[in-house]
Amino acid sequence: MENSGLHNFLLIATKPDNIPIGAMLGFVAFVFWVAIKQMIAHDRWIKQDKKEKVWDEMIK
């Protein structure tokens, strides 16, 4: 029986030295998602001519 690529990946990814890297990648993905969400909201406000709302949100 041959090991699949996923099995080999999981063997490497779950080693103790690599777990913090996986957690960091998850954290970076979360922060990137928040930034994209804010960018979309700010673009909508700018199109609605509510630039002051963008500034108010940024300085919170």
PDB file of N, CA and C in Angstrom:
ATOM      1  N   MET A   1       0.844  -1.180   0.000  1.00  0.00           N
ATOM      2  CA  MET A   1       0.000   0.000   0.000  1.00  0.00           C
ATOM      3  C   MET A   1       0.891   1.245   0.000  1.00  0.00           C
ATOM      4  N   GLU A   2       0.631   2.132  -0.925  1.00  0.00           N
ATOM      5  CA  GLU A   2       1.440   3.324  -1.091  1.00  0.00           C
ATOM      6  C   GLU A   2       0.809   4.503  -0.350  1.00  0.00           C
ATOM      7  N   ASN A   3       1.654   5.315   0.276  1.00  0.00           N
ATOM      8  CA  ASN A   3       1.146   6.509   0.962  1.00  0.00           C
ATOM      9  C   ASN A   3       0.702   7.547  -0.057  1.00  0.00           C
ATOM     10  N   SER A   4      -0.435   8.159   0.221  1.00  0.00           N
ATOM     11  CA  SER A   4      -0.912   9.210  -0.672  1.00  0.00           C
ATOM     12  C   SER A   4      -0.191  10.519  -0.361  1.00  0.00           C
ATOM     13  N   GLY A   5      -0.316  11.482  -1.267  1.00  0.00           N
ATOM     14  CA  GLY A   5       0.300  12.784  -1.058  1.00  0.00           C
ATOM     15  C   GLY A   5      -0.256  13.485   0.164  1.00  0.00           C
ATOM     16  N   LEU A   6      -1.572  13.340   0.383  1.00  0.00           N
ATOM     17  CA  LEU A   6      -2.195  13.972   1.547  1.00  0.00           C
ATOM     18  C   LEU A   6      -1.654  13.375   2.840  1.00  0.00           C
ATOM     19  N   HIS A   7      -1.482  12.070   2.843  1.00  0.00           N
ATOM     20  CA  HIS A   7      -0.952  11.407   4.039  1.00  0.00           C
ATOM     21  C   HIS A   7       0.455  11.914   4.349  1.00  0.00           C
ATOM     22  N   ASN A   8       1.299  12.027   3.331  1.00  0.00           N
ATOM     23  CA  ASN A   8       2.658  12.541   3.540  1.00  0.00           C
ATOM     24  C   ASN A   8       2.633  13.984   4.017  1.00  0.00           C
ATOM     25  N   PHE A   9       1.736  14.794   3.425  1.00  0.00           N
ATOM     26  CA  PHE A   9       1.615  16.192   3.849  1.00  0.00           C
ATOM     27  C   PHE A   9       1.236  16.276   5.321  1.00  0.00           C
ATOM     28  N   LEU A  10       0.240  15.483   5.734  1.00  0.00           N
ATOM     29  CA  LEU A  10      -0.200  15.512   7.134  1.00  0.00           C
ATOM     30  C   LEU A  10       0.900  15.035   8.080  1.00  0.00           C
ATOM     31  N   LEU A  11       1.699  14.064   7.659  1.00  0.00           N
ATOM     32  CA  LEU A  11       2.813  13.612   8.492  1.00  0.00           C
ATOM     33  C   LEU A  11       3.806  14.753   8.733  1.00  0.00           C
ATOM     34  N   ILE A  12       4.078  15.517   7.706  1.00  0.00           N
ATOM     35  CA  ILE A  12       5.031  16.620   7.841  1.00  0.00           C
ATOM     36  C   ILE A  12       4.394  17.789   8.594  1.00  0.00           C
ATOM     37  N   ALA A  13       3.156  18.140   8.259  1.00  0.00           N
ATOM     38  CA  ALA A  13       2.502  19.319   8.840  1.00  0.00           C
ATOM     39  C   ALA A  13       2.221  19.163  10.328  1.00  0.00           C
ATOM     40  N   THR A  14       2.042  17.929  10.805  1.00  0.00           N
ATOM     41  CA  THR A  14       1.697  17.741  12.222  1.00  0.00           C
ATOM     42  C   THR A  14       2.911  17.500  13.113  1.00  0.00           C
ATOM     43  N   LYS A  15       4.094  17.625  12.564  1.00  0.00           N
ATOM     44  CA  LYS A  15       5.285  17.515  13.422  1.00  0.00           C
ATOM     45  C   LYS A  15       5.340  18.749  14.323  1.00  0.00           C
ATOM     46  N   PRO A  16       5.817  18.607  15.541  1.00  0.00           N
ATOM     47  CA  PRO A  16       5.792  19.727  16.499  1.00  0.00           C
ATOM     48  C   PRO A  16       6.444  21.019  15.993  1.00  0.00           C
ATOM     49  N   ASP A  17       7.510  20.900  15.213  1.00  0.00           N
ATOM     50  CA  ASP A  17       8.172  22.113  14.712  1.00  0.00           C
ATOM     51  C   ASP A  17       7.322  22.863  13.692  1.00  0.00           C
ATOM     52  N   ASN A  18       6.405  22.189  13.028  1.00  0.00           N
ATOM     53  CA  ASN A  18       5.635  22.807  11.951  1.00  0.00           C
ATOM     54  C   ASN A  18       4.260  23.307  12.391  1.00  0.00           C
ATOM     55  N   ILE A  19       3.807  22.943  13.563  1.00  0.00           N
ATOM     56  CA  ILE A  19       2.482  23.377  14.026  1.00  0.00           C
ATOM     57  C   ILE A  19       2.404  24.902  14.182  1.00  0.00           C
ATOM     58  N   PRO A  20       3.420  25.589  14.732  1.00  0.00           N
ATOM     59  CA  PRO A  20       3.330  27.058  14.799  1.00  0.00           C
ATOM     60  C   PRO A  20       3.244  27.708  13.415  1.00  0.00           C
ATOM     61  N   ILE A  21       3.872  27.116  12.424  1.00  0.00           N
ATOM     62  CA  ILE A  21       3.799  27.658  11.060  1.00  0.00           C
ATOM     63  C   ILE A  21       2.372  27.561  10.546  1.00  0.00           C
ATOM     64  N   GLY A  22       1.716  26.439  10.791  1.00  0.00           N
ATOM     65  CA  GLY A  22       0.319  26.280  10.384  1.00  0.00           C
ATOM     66  C   GLY A  22      -0.588  27.270  11.086  1.00  0.00           C
ATOM     67  N   ALA A  23      -0.352  27.492  12.365  1.00  0.00           N
ATOM     68  CA  ALA A  23      -1.150  28.467  13.118  1.00  0.00           C
ATOM     69  C   ALA A  23      -0.918  29.868  12.571  1.00  0.00           C
ATOM     70  N   MET A  24       0.332  30.190  12.240  1.00  0.00           N
ATOM     71  CA  MET A  24       0.644  31.500  11.687  1.00  0.00           C
ATOM     72  C   MET A  24      -0.060  31.698  10.339  1.00  0.00           C
ATOM     73  N   LEU A  25      -0.079  30.679   9.496  1.00  0.00           N
ATOM     74  CA  LEU A  25      -0.758  30.784   8.211  1.00  0.00           C
ATOM     75  C   LEU A  25      -2.252  31.026   8.404  1.00  0.00           C
ATOM     76  N   GLY A  26      -2.854  30.363   9.378  1.00  0.00           N
ATOM     77  CA  GLY A  26      -4.263  30.592   9.681  1.00  0.00           C
ATOM     78  C   GLY A  26      -4.505  32.018  10.160  1.00  0.00           C
ATOM     79  N   PHE A  27      -3.624  32.525  11.004  1.00  0.00           N
ATOM     80  CA  PHE A  27      -3.761  33.889  11.508  1.00  0.00           C
ATOM     81  C   PHE A  27      -3.611  34.911  10.386  1.00  0.00           C
ATOM     82  N   VAL A  28      -2.649  34.694   9.506  1.00  0.00           N
ATOM     83  CA  VAL A  28      -2.442  35.609   8.378  1.00  0.00           C
ATOM     84  C   VAL A  28      -3.669  35.597   7.467  1.00  0.00           C
ATOM     85  N   ALA A  29      -4.237  34.428   7.226  1.00  0.00           N
ATOM     86  CA  ALA A  29      -5.440  34.332   6.395  1.00  0.00           C
ATOM     87  C   ALA A  29      -6.597  35.104   7.035  1.00  0.00           C
ATOM     88  N   PHE A  30      -6.753  35.005   8.347  1.00  0.00           N
ATOM     89  CA  PHE A  30      -7.816  35.720   9.054  1.00  0.00           C
ATOM     90  C   PHE A  30      -7.634  37.232   8.940  1.00  0.00           C
ATOM     91  N   VAL A  31      -6.412  37.714   9.172  1.00  0.00           N
ATOM     92  CA  VAL A  31      -6.138  39.151   9.099  1.00  0.00           C
ATOM     93  C   VAL A  31      -6.351  39.655   7.676  1.00  0.00           C
ATOM     94  N   PHE A  32      -5.959  38.863   6.681  1.00  0.00           N
ATOM     95  CA  PHE A  32      -6.166  39.235   5.280  1.00  0.00           C
ATOM     96  C   PHE A  32      -7.658  39.344   4.979  1.00  0.00           C
ATOM     97  N   TRP A  33      -8.453  38.412   5.498  1.00  0.00           N
ATOM     98  CA  TRP A  33      -9.909  38.441   5.297  1.00  0.00           C
ATOM     99  C   TRP A  33     -10.511  39.707   5.916  1.00  0.00           C
ATOM    100  N   VAL A  34     -10.090  40.064   7.119  1.00  0.00           N
ATOM    101  CA  VAL A  34     -10.593  41.276   7.772  1.00  0.00           C
ATOM    102  C   VAL A  34     -10.233  42.511   6.948  1.00  0.00           C
ATOM    103  N   ALA A  35      -9.004  42.557   6.438  1.00  0.00           N
ATOM    104  CA  ALA A  35      -8.567  43.707   5.633  1.00  0.00           C
ATOM    105  C   ALA A  35      -9.397  43.824   4.354  1.00  0.00           C
ATOM    106  N   ILE A  36      -9.664  42.713   3.686  1.00  0.00           N
ATOM    107  CA  ILE A  36     -10.465  42.734   2.461  1.00  0.00           C
ATOM    108  C   ILE A  36     -11.893  43.183   2.775  1.00  0.00           C
ATOM    109  N   LYS A  37     -12.441  42.705   3.883  1.00  0.00           N
ATOM    110  CA  LYS A  37     -13.796  43.085   4.288  1.00  0.00           C
ATOM    111  C   LYS A  37     -13.883  44.598   4.532  1.00  0.00           C
ATOM    112  N   GLN A  38     -12.887  45.164   5.223  1.00  0.00           N
ATOM    113  CA  GLN A  38     -12.865  46.602   5.477  1.00  0.00           C
ATOM    114  C   GLN A  38     -12.677  47.378   4.173  1.00  0.00           C
ATOM    115  N   MET A  39     -11.844  46.867   3.276  1.00  0.00           N
ATOM    116  CA  MET A  39     -11.611  47.538   2.004  1.00  0.00           C
ATOM    117  C   MET A  39     -12.902  47.649   1.201  1.00  0.00           C
ATOM    118  N   ILE A  40     -13.666  46.580   1.169  1.00  0.00           N
ATOM    119  CA  ILE A  40     -14.932  46.587   0.428  1.00  0.00           C
ATOM    120  C   ILE A  40     -15.904  47.590   1.045  1.00  0.00           C
ATOM    121  N   ALA A  41     -15.993  47.605   2.378  1.00  0.00           N
ATOM    122  CA  ALA A  41     -16.885  48.559   3.051  1.00  0.00           C
ATOM    123  C   ALA A  41     -16.453  50.001   2.775  1.00  0.00           C
ATOM    124  N   HIS A  42     -15.157  50.264   2.837  1.00  0.00           N
ATOM    125  CA  HIS A  42     -14.663  51.618   2.587  1.00  0.00           C
ATOM    126  C   HIS A  42     -14.930  52.046   1.148  1.00  0.00           C
ATOM    127  N   ASP A  43     -14.752  51.137   0.202  1.00  0.00           N
ATOM    128  CA  ASP A  43     -15.043  51.469  -1.194  1.00  0.00           C
ATOM    129  C   ASP A  43     -16.520  51.811  -1.389  1.00  0.00           C
ATOM    130  N   ARG A  44     -17.382  51.073  -0.720  1.00  0.00           N
ATOM    131  CA  ARG A  44     -18.822  51.372  -0.820  1.00  0.00           C
ATOM    132  C   ARG A  44     -19.132  52.750  -0.261  1.00  0.00           C
ATOM    133  N   TRP A  45     -18.540  53.075   0.882  1.00  0.00           N
ATOM    134  CA  TRP A  45     -18.795  54.382   1.500  1.00  0.00           C
ATOM    135  C   TRP A  45     -18.267  55.509   0.624  1.00  0.00           C
ATOM    136  N   ILE A  46     -17.106  55.303   0.005  1.00  0.00           N
ATOM    137  CA  ILE A  46     -16.549  56.336  -0.871  1.00  0.00           C
ATOM    138  C   ILE A  46     -17.461  56.542  -2.076  1.00  0.00           C
ATOM    139  N   LYS A  47     -17.983  55.456  -2.647  1.00  0.00           N
ATOM    140  CA  LYS A  47     -18.902  55.583  -3.781  1.00  0.00           C
ATOM    141  C   LYS A  47     -20.203  56.282  -3.377  1.00  0.00           C
ATOM    142  N   GLN A  48     -20.589  56.149  -2.105  1.00  0.00           N
ATOM    143  CA  GLN A  48     -21.806  56.797  -1.611  1.00  0.00           C
ATOM    144  C   GLN A  48     -21.505  58.213  -1.103  1.00  0.00           C
ATOM    145  N   ASP A  49     -20.299  58.696  -1.348  1.00  0.00           N
ATOM    146  CA  ASP A  49     -19.849  60.023  -0.923  1.00  0.00           C
ATOM    147  C   ASP A  49     -19.918  60.202   0.601  1.00  0.00           C
ATOM    148  N   LYS A  50     -19.497  59.172   1.318  1.00  0.00           N
ATOM    149  CA  LYS A  50     -19.445  59.212   2.786  1.00  0.00           C
ATOM    150  C   LYS A  50     -17.997  59.025   3.255  1.00  0.00           C
ATOM    151  N   LYS A  51     -17.109  59.854   2.719  1.00  0.00           N
ATOM    152  CA  LYS A  51     -15.681  59.724   3.041  1.00  0.00           C
ATOM    153  C   LYS A  51     -15.393  59.940   4.516  1.00  0.00           C
ATOM    154  N   GLU A  52     -16.193  60.781   5.174  1.00  0.00           N
ATOM    155  CA  GLU A  52     -15.963  61.030   6.603  1.00  0.00           C
ATOM    156  C   GLU A  52     -16.220  59.763   7.425  1.00  0.00           C
ATOM    157  N   LYS A  53     -17.095  58.893   6.958  1.00  0.00           N
ATOM    158  CA  LYS A  53     -17.368  57.634   7.657  1.00  0.00           C
ATOM    159  C   LYS A  53     -16.137  56.715   7.597  1.00  0.00           C
ATOM    160  N   VAL A  54     -15.425  56.749   6.481  1.00  0.00           N
ATOM    161  CA  VAL A  54     -14.183  55.967   6.350  1.00  0.00           C
ATOM    162  C   VAL A  54     -13.175  56.446   7.389  1.00  0.00           C
ATOM    163  N   TRP A  55     -13.005  57.751   7.493  1.00  0.00           N
ATOM    164  CA  TRP A  55     -12.056  58.312   8.457  1.00  0.00           C
ATOM    165  C   TRP A  55     -12.457  57.955   9.885  1.00  0.00           C
ATOM    166  N   ASP A  56     -13.735  58.088  10.192  1.00  0.00           N
ATOM    167  CA  ASP A  56     -14.217  57.762  11.537  1.00  0.00           C
ATOM    168  C   ASP A  56     -13.958  56.297  11.870  1.00  0.00           C
ATOM    169  N   GLU A  57     -14.138  55.412  10.903  1.00  0.00           N
ATOM    170  CA  GLU A  57     -13.908  53.982  11.115  1.00  0.00           C
ATOM    171  C   GLU A  57     -12.423  53.697  11.310  1.00  0.00           C
ATOM    172  N   MET A  58     -11.577  54.400  10.585  1.00  0.00           N
ATOM    173  CA  MET A  58     -10.135  54.143  10.657  1.00  0.00           C
ATOM    174  C   MET A  58      -9.524  54.578  11.986  1.00  0.00           C
ATOM    175  N   ILE A  59     -10.057  55.620  12.614  1.00  0.00           N
ATOM    176  CA  ILE A  59      -9.454  56.124  13.853  1.00  0.00           C
ATOM    177  C   ILE A  59     -10.071  55.530  15.108  1.00  0.00           C
ATOM    178  N   LYS A  60     -10.968  54.586  14.964  1.00  0.00           N
ATOM    179  CA  LYS A  60     -11.570  53.927  16.139  1.00  0.00           C
ATOM    180  C   LYS A  60     -10.511  53.232  16.950  1.00  0.00           C
TER     181      LYS A  60
END
